[in-house]
């Protein structure tokens, strides 16, 4: 799987699991898992709230990364297959 190889690349590249890239990767996995859960359980409102919080956290981290390291940001969103955030 691409995801497993990508996590090994991140963990080998950076020993620090608190790095912005790793946090974004973890949030993306949790978002995907919650999204699949909500497809089955449409009325699980507490999970919907949790999903919105995770999306906000990931969005803030992505905006921070785009300001600090634009090339790393582009590479990360391409590897994780997520959309580029809208610029304000």
Foldseek 3Di string as FASTA:
>chain_A
DLLVVVVVVVCVVDVDCPDLLNLLSVLLVVLVVLVVVCVVVVPPVVSVVVSVVSVVVSVVSLVVCCVVPVVVSVVSCVSSVHDDDDDD
